[in-house]
Amino acid sequence: MSQPNTLTATYASPTNDAFALSSPLPLSDDDKTAYLGALRAAVGEAQATINKELTARMEEDKARDAGAAAAAADDAKEEENYGEDVQEGED
């Protein structure tokens, strides 16, 4: 019994959600032209999905890094002004 032909891709990261995708391909690879056509289409679809998913994860990383940088800047400002009365907004 032969196994079904499937194009699969998985992504795992310690900081982002994992994802997986799978595209079935023709069961028989006897007709190489049809098989390669289906494989090419599946790879194109997989590439588009992967690019979309990774772009979303990059945006999440940027937002997380920006939040961490802002918190670090606030901490540095607090340490610099420790023990002093500081007026935040002067009129």
PDB file of N, CA and C in Angstrom:
ATOM      1  N   MET A   1       0.852  -1.177   0.000  1.00  0.00           N
ATOM      2  CA  MET A   1       0.000   0.000   0.000  1.00  0.00           C
ATOM      3  C   MET A   1       0.893   1.234   0.000  1.00  0.00           C
ATOM      4  N   SER A   2       0.629   2.179  -0.892  1.00  0.00           N
ATOM      5  CA  SER A   2       1.464   3.374  -0.977  1.00  0.00           C
ATOM      6  C   SER A   2       0.911   4.478  -0.081  1.00  0.00           C
ATOM      7  N   GLN A   3       1.831   5.315   0.361  1.00  0.00           N
ATOM      8  CA  GLN A   3       1.430   6.444   1.193  1.00  0.00           C
ATOM      9  C   GLN A   3       0.965   7.585   0.295  1.00  0.00           C
ATOM     10  N   PRO A   4       0.030   8.395   0.776  1.00  0.00           N
ATOM     11  CA  PRO A   4      -0.406   9.526  -0.042  1.00  0.00           C
ATOM     12  C   PRO A   4       0.721  10.552  -0.170  1.00  0.00           C
ATOM     13  N   ASN A   5       0.782  11.200  -1.317  1.00  0.00           N
ATOM     14  CA  ASN A   5       1.771  12.249  -1.535  1.00  0.00           C
ATOM     15  C   ASN A   5       1.229  13.546  -0.953  1.00  0.00           C
ATOM     16  N   THR A   6       1.999  14.153  -0.077  1.00  0.00           N
ATOM     17  CA  THR A   6       1.567  15.382   0.575  1.00  0.00           C
ATOM     18  C   THR A   6       2.756  16.311   0.747  1.00  0.00           C
ATOM     19  N   LEU A   7       2.543  17.570   0.433  1.00  0.00           N
ATOM     20  CA  LEU A   7       3.536  18.600   0.714  1.00  0.00           C
ATOM     21  C   LEU A   7       3.201  19.156   2.089  1.00  0.00           C
ATOM     22  N   THR A   8       4.143  19.087   3.019  1.00  0.00           N
ATOM     23  CA  THR A   8       3.897  19.587   4.370  1.00  0.00           C
ATOM     24  C   THR A   8       5.004  20.546   4.789  1.00  0.00           C
ATOM     25  N   ALA A   9       4.634  21.494   5.629  1.00  0.00           N
ATOM     26  CA  ALA A   9       5.594  22.430   6.216  1.00  0.00           C
ATOM     27  C   ALA A   9       5.144  22.710   7.641  1.00  0.00           C
ATOM     28  N   THR A  10       6.105  22.801   8.545  1.00  0.00           N
ATOM     29  CA  THR A  10       5.795  23.122   9.936  1.00  0.00           C
ATOM     30  C   THR A  10       6.737  24.218  10.413  1.00  0.00           C
ATOM     31  N   TYR A  11       6.251  25.008  11.360  1.00  0.00           N
ATOM     32  CA  TYR A  11       7.032  26.091  11.944  1.00  0.00           C
ATOM     33  C   TYR A  11       6.864  26.033  13.449  1.00  0.00           C
ATOM     34  N   ALA A  12       7.966  26.130  14.157  1.00  0.00           N
ATOM     35  CA  ALA A  12       7.926  26.166  15.618  1.00  0.00           C
ATOM     36  C   ALA A  12       8.925  27.212  16.093  1.00  0.00           C
ATOM     37  N   SER A  13       8.539  27.930  17.136  1.00  0.00           N
ATOM     38  CA  SER A  13       9.383  28.979  17.689  1.00  0.00           C
ATOM     39  C   SER A  13       9.147  29.053  19.186  1.00  0.00           C
ATOM     40  N   PRO A  14      10.180  29.363  19.952  1.00  0.00           N
ATOM     41  CA  PRO A  14       9.969  29.488  21.400  1.00  0.00           C
ATOM     42  C   PRO A  14       9.160  30.727  21.773  1.00  0.00           C
ATOM     43  N   THR A  15       9.064  31.713  20.878  1.00  0.00           N
ATOM     44  CA  THR A  15       8.361  32.952  21.211  1.00  0.00           C
ATOM     45  C   THR A  15       7.069  33.175  20.448  1.00  0.00           C
ATOM     46  N   ASN A  16       6.804  32.391  19.405  1.00  0.00           N
ATOM     47  CA  ASN A  16       5.603  32.580  18.596  1.00  0.00           C
ATOM     48  C   ASN A  16       4.804  31.290  18.513  1.00  0.00           C
ATOM     49  N   ASP A  17       3.539  31.431  18.112  1.00  0.00           N
ATOM     50  CA  ASP A  17       2.698  30.257  17.908  1.00  0.00           C
ATOM     51  C   ASP A  17       3.228  29.431  16.741  1.00  0.00           C
ATOM     52  N   ALA A  18       3.145  28.141  16.875  1.00  0.00           N
ATOM     53  CA  ALA A  18       3.553  27.239  15.796  1.00  0.00           C
ATOM     54  C   ALA A  18       2.440  27.174  14.756  1.00  0.00           C
ATOM     55  N   PHE A  19       2.794  26.798  13.538  1.00  0.00           N
ATOM     56  CA  PHE A  19       1.784  26.526  12.526  1.00  0.00           C
ATOM     57  C   PHE A  19       2.279  25.424  11.610  1.00  0.00           C
ATOM     58  N   ALA A  20       1.341  24.790  10.963  1.00  0.00           N
ATOM     59  CA  ALA A  20       1.656  23.723  10.014  1.00  0.00           C
ATOM     60  C   ALA A  20       0.697  23.838   8.847  1.00  0.00           C
ATOM     61  N   LEU A  21       1.155  23.442   7.690  1.00  0.00           N
ATOM     62  CA  LEU A  21       0.265  23.383   6.542  1.00  0.00           C
ATOM     63  C   LEU A  21       0.550  22.117   5.771  1.00  0.00           C
ATOM     64  N   SER A  22      -0.458  21.682   5.071  1.00  0.00           N
ATOM     65  CA  SER A  22      -0.359  20.433   4.333  1.00  0.00           C
ATOM     66  C   SER A  22      -1.185  20.551   3.063  1.00  0.00           C
ATOM     67  N   SER A  23      -0.618  20.137   1.947  1.00  0.00           N
ATOM     68  CA  SER A  23      -1.320  20.156   0.666  1.00  0.00           C
ATOM     69  C   SER A  23      -1.234  18.780   0.034  1.00  0.00           C
ATOM     70  N   PRO A  24      -2.390  18.168  -0.224  1.00  0.00           N
ATOM     71  CA  PRO A  24      -2.356  16.851  -0.871  1.00  0.00           C
ATOM     72  C   PRO A  24      -1.916  16.980  -2.330  1.00  0.00           C
ATOM     73  N   LEU A  25      -1.220  15.985  -2.794  1.00  0.00           N
ATOM     74  CA  LEU A  25      -0.771  15.919  -4.182  1.00  0.00           C
ATOM     75  C   LEU A  25      -1.418  14.698  -4.829  1.00  0.00           C
ATOM     76  N   PRO A  26      -1.403  14.630  -6.166  1.00  0.00           N
ATOM     77  CA  PRO A  26      -1.995  13.457  -6.825  1.00  0.00           C
ATOM     78  C   PRO A  26      -1.419  12.156  -6.265  1.00  0.00           C
ATOM     79  N   LEU A  27      -2.262  11.157  -6.125  1.00  0.00           N
ATOM     80  CA  LEU A  27      -1.839   9.888  -5.546  1.00  0.00           C
ATOM     81  C   LEU A  27      -0.816   9.159  -6.402  1.00  0.00           C
ATOM     82  N   SER A  28      -0.925   9.299  -7.687  1.00  0.00           N
ATOM     83  CA  SER A  28      -0.010   8.591  -8.573  1.00  0.00           C
ATOM     84  C   SER A  28       0.983   9.567  -9.174  1.00  0.00           C
ATOM     85  N   ASP A  29       2.238   9.221  -9.120  1.00  0.00           N
ATOM     86  CA  ASP A  29       3.223  10.069  -9.780  1.00  0.00           C
ATOM     87  C   ASP A  29       3.631   9.468 -11.127  1.00  0.00           C
ATOM     88  N   ASP A  30       2.770   8.584 -11.661  1.00  0.00           N
ATOM     89  CA  ASP A  30       3.031   8.003 -12.977  1.00  0.00           C
ATOM     90  C   ASP A  30       2.984   9.078 -14.056  1.00  0.00           C
ATOM     91  N   ASP A  31       2.026   9.988 -13.953  1.00  0.00           N
ATOM     92  CA  ASP A  31       1.934  11.091 -14.901  1.00  0.00           C
ATOM     93  C   ASP A  31       2.756  12.248 -14.338  1.00  0.00           C
ATOM     94  N   LYS A  32       4.023  12.279 -14.707  1.00  0.00           N
ATOM     95  CA  LYS A  32       4.960  13.248 -14.128  1.00  0.00           C
ATOM     96  C   LYS A  32       4.536  14.696 -14.388  1.00  0.00           C
ATOM     97  N   THR A  33       3.976  14.977 -15.546  1.00  0.00           N
ATOM     98  CA  THR A  33       3.582  16.343 -15.870  1.00  0.00           C
ATOM     99  C   THR A  33       2.495  16.838 -14.926  1.00  0.00           C
ATOM    100  N   ALA A  34       1.465  16.027 -14.702  1.00  0.00           N
ATOM    101  CA  ALA A  34       0.379  16.417 -13.796  1.00  0.00           C
ATOM    102  C   ALA A  34       0.895  16.514 -12.366  1.00  0.00           C
ATOM    103  N   TYR A  35       1.725  15.572 -11.980  1.00  0.00           N
ATOM    104  CA  TYR A  35       2.277  15.568 -10.624  1.00  0.00           C
ATOM    105  C   TYR A  35       3.118  16.816 -10.376  1.00  0.00           C
ATOM    106  N   LEU A  36       4.014  17.141 -11.303  1.00  0.00           N
ATOM    107  CA  LEU A  36       4.872  18.309 -11.133  1.00  0.00           C
ATOM    108  C   LEU A  36       4.070  19.609 -11.170  1.00  0.00           C
ATOM    109  N   GLY A  37       3.012  19.640 -11.988  1.00  0.00           N
ATOM    110  CA  GLY A  37       2.142  20.819 -12.014  1.00  0.00           C
ATOM    111  C   GLY A  37       1.449  21.025 -10.675  1.00  0.00           C
ATOM    112  N   ALA A  38       0.937  19.939 -10.110  1.00  0.00           N
ATOM    113  CA  ALA A  38       0.275  20.022  -8.805  1.00  0.00           C
ATOM    114  C   ALA A  38       1.281  20.384  -7.717  1.00  0.00           C
ATOM    115  N   LEU A  39       2.476  19.819  -7.799  1.00  0.00           N
ATOM    116  CA  LEU A  39       3.519  20.130  -6.820  1.00  0.00           C
ATOM    117  C   LEU A  39       3.910  21.604  -6.898  1.00  0.00           C
ATOM    118  N   ARG A  40       4.069  22.098  -8.104  1.00  0.00           N
ATOM    119  CA  ARG A  40       4.432  23.514  -8.278  1.00  0.00           C
ATOM    120  C   ARG A  40       3.355  24.431  -7.704  1.00  0.00           C
ATOM    121  N   ALA A  41       2.099  24.124  -7.962  1.00  0.00           N
ATOM    122  CA  ALA A  41       0.998  24.933  -7.424  1.00  0.00           C
ATOM    123  C   ALA A  41       0.972  24.867  -5.899  1.00  0.00           C
ATOM    124  N   ALA A  42       1.174  23.674  -5.352  1.00  0.00           N
ATOM    125  CA  ALA A  42       1.160  23.506  -3.894  1.00  0.00           C
ATOM    126  C   ALA A  42       2.313  24.263  -3.243  1.00  0.00           C
ATOM    127  N   VAL A  43       3.477  24.253  -3.870  1.00  0.00           N
ATOM    128  CA  VAL A  43       4.630  24.976  -3.328  1.00  0.00           C
ATOM    129  C   VAL A  43       4.362  26.483  -3.354  1.00  0.00           C
ATOM    130  N   GLY A  44       3.765  26.974  -4.419  1.00  0.00           N
ATOM    131  CA  GLY A  44       3.430  28.397  -4.500  1.00  0.00           C
ATOM    132  C   GLY A  44       2.452  28.814  -3.413  1.00  0.00           C
ATOM    133  N   GLU A  45       1.425  28.000  -3.201  1.00  0.00           N
ATOM    134  CA  GLU A  45       0.450  28.281  -2.143  1.00  0.00           C
ATOM    135  C   GLU A  45       1.111  28.212  -0.768  1.00  0.00           C
ATOM    136  N   ALA A  46       1.965  27.216  -0.576  1.00  0.00           N
ATOM    137  CA  ALA A  46       2.664  27.076   0.705  1.00  0.00           C
ATOM    138  C   ALA A  46       3.556  28.286   0.954  1.00  0.00           C
ATOM    139  N   GLN A  47       4.264  28.725  -0.065  1.00  0.00           N
ATOM    140  CA  GLN A  47       5.149  29.879   0.080  1.00  0.00           C
ATOM    141  C   GLN A  47       4.356  31.126   0.456  1.00  0.00           C
ATOM    142  N   ALA A  48       3.216  31.345  -0.170  1.00  0.00           N
ATOM    143  CA  ALA A  48       2.389  32.509   0.154  1.00  0.00           C
ATOM    144  C   ALA A  48       1.895  32.444   1.597  1.00  0.00           C
ATOM    145  N   THR A  49       1.454  31.271   2.031  1.00  0.00           N
ATOM    146  CA  THR A  49       0.971  31.110   3.403  1.00  0.00           C
ATOM    147  C   THR A  49       2.100  31.302   4.406  1.00  0.00           C
ATOM    148  N   ILE A  50       3.246  30.709   4.125  1.00  0.00           N
ATOM    149  CA  ILE A  50       4.396  30.835   5.025  1.00  0.00           C
ATOM    150  C   ILE A  50       4.828  32.297   5.133  1.00  0.00           C
ATOM    151  N   ASN A  51       4.896  33.001   4.012  1.00  0.00           N
ATOM    152  CA  ASN A  51       5.279  34.414   4.041  1.00  0.00           C
ATOM    153  C   ASN A  51       4.304  35.226   4.889  1.00  0.00           C
ATOM    154  N   LYS A  52       3.011  34.967   4.730  1.00  0.00           N
ATOM    155  CA  LYS A  52       1.987  35.677   5.507  1.00  0.00           C
ATOM    156  C   LYS A  52       2.162  35.395   6.999  1.00  0.00           C
ATOM    157  N   GLU A  53       2.335  34.128   7.353  1.00  0.00           N
ATOM    158  CA  GLU A  53       2.486  33.745   8.760  1.00  0.00           C
ATOM    159  C   GLU A  53       3.755  34.338   9.371  1.00  0.00           C
ATOM    160  N   LEU A  54       4.859  34.264   8.655  1.00  0.00           N
ATOM    161  CA  LEU A  54       6.120  34.785   9.194  1.00  0.00           C
ATOM    162  C   LEU A  54       6.106  36.306   9.302  1.00  0.00           C
ATOM    163  N   THR A  55       5.448  36.979   8.362  1.00  0.00           N
ATOM    164  CA  THR A  55       5.312  38.431   8.450  1.00  0.00           C
ATOM    165  C   THR A  55       4.523  38.814   9.691  1.00  0.00           C
ATOM    166  N   ALA A  56       3.445  38.089   9.969  1.00  0.00           N
ATOM    167  CA  ALA A  56       2.651  38.357  11.173  1.00  0.00           C
ATOM    168  C   ALA A  56       3.493  38.150  12.427  1.00  0.00           C
ATOM    169  N   ARG A  57       4.304  37.115  12.443  1.00  0.00           N
ATOM    170  CA  ARG A  57       5.147  36.844  13.608  1.00  0.00           C
ATOM    171  C   ARG A  57       6.238  37.910  13.763  1.00  0.00           C
ATOM    172  N   MET A  58       6.771  38.405  12.655  1.00  0.00           N
ATOM    173  CA  MET A  58       7.762  39.477  12.724  1.00  0.00           C
ATOM    174  C   MET A  58       7.139  40.739  13.320  1.00  0.00           C
ATOM    175  N   GLU A  59       5.899  41.036  12.938  1.00  0.00           N
ATOM    176  CA  GLU A  59       5.211  42.201  13.497  1.00  0.00           C
ATOM    177  C   GLU A  59       4.984  42.023  14.995  1.00  0.00           C
ATOM    178  N   GLU A  60       4.622  40.808  15.419  1.00  0.00           N
ATOM    179  CA  GLU A  60       4.456  40.528  16.850  1.00  0.00           C
ATOM    180  C   GLU A  60       5.779  40.732  17.589  1.00  0.00           C
ATOM    181  N   ASP A  61       6.871  40.252  16.995  1.00  0.00           N
ATOM    182  CA  ASP A  61       8.192  40.410  17.612  1.00  0.00           C
ATOM    183  C   ASP A  61       8.568  41.889  17.732  1.00  0.00           C
ATOM    184  N   LYS A  62       8.306  42.671  16.667  1.00  0.00           N
ATOM    185  CA  LYS A  62       8.614  44.099  16.697  1.00  0.00           C
ATOM    186  C   LYS A  62       7.822  44.799  17.796  1.00  0.00           C
ATOM    187  N   ALA A  63       6.544  44.471  17.913  1.00  0.00           N
ATOM    188  CA  ALA A  63       5.706  45.091  18.943  1.00  0.00           C
ATOM    189  C   ALA A  63       6.206  44.717  20.336  1.00  0.00           C
ATOM    190  N   ARG A  64       6.568  43.462  20.511  1.00  0.00           N
ATOM    191  CA  ARG A  64       7.078  43.002  21.808  1.00  0.00           C
ATOM    192  C   ARG A  64       8.408  43.698  22.132  1.00  0.00           C
ATOM    193  N   ASP A  65       9.290  43.807  21.144  1.00  0.00           N
ATOM    194  CA  ASP A  65      10.582  44.463  21.358  1.00  0.00           C
ATOM    195  C   ASP A  65      10.406  45.954  21.644  1.00  0.00           C
ATOM    196  N   ALA A  66       9.466  46.605  20.962  1.00  0.00           N
ATOM    197  CA  ALA A  66       9.216  48.027  21.193  1.00  0.00           C
ATOM    198  C   ALA A  66       8.693  48.245  22.607  1.00  0.00           C
ATOM    199  N   GLY A  67       7.832  47.364  23.071  1.00  0.00           N
ATOM    200  CA  GLY A  67       7.317  47.459  24.435  1.00  0.00           C
ATOM    201  C   GLY A  67       8.420  47.272  25.458  1.00  0.00           C
ATOM    202  N   ALA A  68       9.311  46.338  25.203  1.00  0.00           N
ATOM    203  CA  ALA A  68      10.429  46.088  26.118  1.00  0.00           C
ATOM    204  C   ALA A  68      11.391  47.273  26.120  1.00  0.00           C
ATOM    205  N   ALA A  69      11.630  47.870  24.952  1.00  0.00           N
ATOM    206  CA  ALA A  69      12.533  49.020  24.867  1.00  0.00           C
ATOM    207  C   ALA A  69      11.939  50.215  25.601  1.00  0.00           C
ATOM    208  N   ALA A  70      10.626  50.425  25.474  1.00  0.00           N
ATOM    209  CA  ALA A  70       9.972  51.537  26.170  1.00  0.00           C
ATOM    210  C   ALA A  70      10.050  51.334  27.679  1.00  0.00           C
ATOM    211  N   ALA A  71       9.846  50.112  28.127  1.00  0.00           N
ATOM    212  CA  ALA A  71       9.928  49.817  29.562  1.00  0.00           C
ATOM    213  C   ALA A  71      11.353  50.041  30.071  1.00  0.00           C
ATOM    214  N   ALA A  72      12.348  49.659  29.290  1.00  0.00           N
ATOM    215  CA  ALA A  72      13.742  49.853  29.686  1.00  0.00           C
ATOM    216  C   ALA A  72      14.075  51.341  29.756  1.00  0.00           C
ATOM    217  N   ALA A  73      13.543  52.139  28.819  1.00  0.00           N
ATOM    218  CA  ALA A  73      13.783  53.580  28.832  1.00  0.00           C
ATOM    219  C   ALA A  73      13.136  54.211  30.058  1.00  0.00           C
ATOM    220  N   ASP A  74      11.921  53.773  30.395  1.00  0.00           N
ATOM    221  CA  ASP A  74      11.249  54.280  31.600  1.00  0.00           C
ATOM    222  C   ASP A  74      12.042  53.929  32.851  1.00  0.00           C
ATOM    223  N   ASP A  75      12.559  52.716  32.914  1.00  0.00           N
ATOM    224  CA  ASP A  75      13.360  52.294  34.068  1.00  0.00           C
ATOM    225  C   ASP A  75      14.626  53.139  34.189  1.00  0.00           C
ATOM    226  N   ALA A  76      15.276  53.405  33.062  1.00  0.00           N
ATOM    227  CA  ALA A  76      16.500  54.205  33.075  1.00  0.00           C
ATOM    228  C   ALA A  76      16.197  55.625  33.537  1.00  0.00           C
ATOM    229  N   LYS A  77      15.071  56.182  33.089  1.00  0.00           N
ATOM    230  CA  LYS A  77      14.692  57.533  33.486  1.00  0.00           C
ATOM    231  C   LYS A  77      14.394  57.585  34.982  1.00  0.00           C
ATOM    232  N   GLU A  78      13.693  56.579  35.493  1.00  0.00           N
ATOM    233  CA  GLU A  78      13.389  56.519  36.921  1.00  0.00           C
ATOM    234  C   GLU A  78      14.675  56.437  37.746  1.00  0.00           C
ATOM    235  N   GLU A  79      15.619  55.625  37.292  1.00  0.00           N
ATOM    236  CA  GLU A  79      16.875  55.478  38.032  1.00  0.00           C
ATOM    237  C   GLU A  79      17.676  56.776  38.009  1.00  0.00           C
ATOM    238  N   GLU A  80      17.666  57.455  36.875  1.00  0.00           N
ATOM    239  CA  GLU A  80      18.391  58.715  36.738  1.00  0.00           C
ATOM    240  C   GLU A  80      17.825  59.775  37.684  1.00  0.00           C
ATOM    241  N   ASN A  81      16.527  59.777  37.872  1.00  0.00           N
ATOM    242  CA  ASN A  81      15.864  60.788  38.694  1.00  0.00           C
ATOM    243  C   ASN A  81      15.548  60.293  40.100  1.00  0.00           C
ATOM    244  N   TYR A  82      16.135  59.204  40.512  1.00  0.00           N
ATOM    245  CA  TYR A  82      15.842  58.625  41.822  1.00  0.00           C
ATOM    246  C   TYR A  82      16.136  59.625  42.934  1.00  0.00           C
ATOM    247  N   GLY A  83      15.159  59.832  43.805  1.00  0.00           N
ATOM    248  CA  GLY A  83      15.339  60.705  44.954  1.00  0.00           C
ATOM    249  C   GLY A  83      15.152  62.175  44.658  1.00  0.00           C
ATOM    250  N   GLU A  84      14.788  62.536  43.450  1.00  0.00           N
ATOM    251  CA  GLU A  84      14.597  63.933  43.090  1.00  0.00           C
ATOM    252  C   GLU A  84      13.136  64.173  42.745  1.00  0.00           C
ATOM    253  N   ASP A  85      12.666  65.382  43.033  1.00  0.00           N
ATOM    254  CA  ASP A  85      11.327  65.771  42.603  1.00  0.00           C
ATOM    255  C   ASP A  85      11.428  66.225  41.156  1.00  0.00           C
ATOM    256  N   VAL A  86      10.711  65.542  40.287  1.00  0.00           N
ATOM    257  CA  VAL A  86      10.775  65.861  38.865  1.00  0.00           C
ATOM    258  C   VAL A  86       9.384  66.256  38.400  1.00  0.00           C
ATOM    259  N   GLN A  87       9.291  67.400  37.757  1.00  0.00           N
ATOM    260  CA  GLN A  87       8.033  67.850  37.163  1.00  0.00           C
ATOM    261  C   GLN A  87       7.974  67.292  35.746  1.00  0.00           C
ATOM    262  N   GLU A  88       6.985  66.452  35.474  1.00  0.00           N
ATOM    263  CA  GLU A  88       6.888  65.814  34.158  1.00  0.00           C
ATOM    264  C   GLU A  88       6.520  66.815  33.067  1.00  0.00           C
ATOM    265  N   GLY A  89       5.460  67.558  33.272  1.00  0.00           N
ATOM    266  CA  GLY A  89       5.013  68.490  32.236  1.00  0.00           C
ATOM    267  C   GLY A  89       4.995  69.902  32.777  1.00  0.00           C
ATOM    268  N   GLU A  90       5.837  70.754  32.224  1.00  0.00           N
ATOM    269  CA  GLU A  90       5.871  72.135  32.670  1.00  0.00           C
ATOM    270  C   GLU A  90       5.031  72.967  31.736  1.00  0.00           C
ATOM    271  N   ASP A  91       4.288  73.917  32.323  1.00  0.00           N
ATOM    272  CA  ASP A  91       3.428  74.792  31.518  1.00  0.00           C
ATOM    273  C   ASP A  91       4.166  75.992  31.022  1.00  0.00           C
TER     274      ASP A  91
END
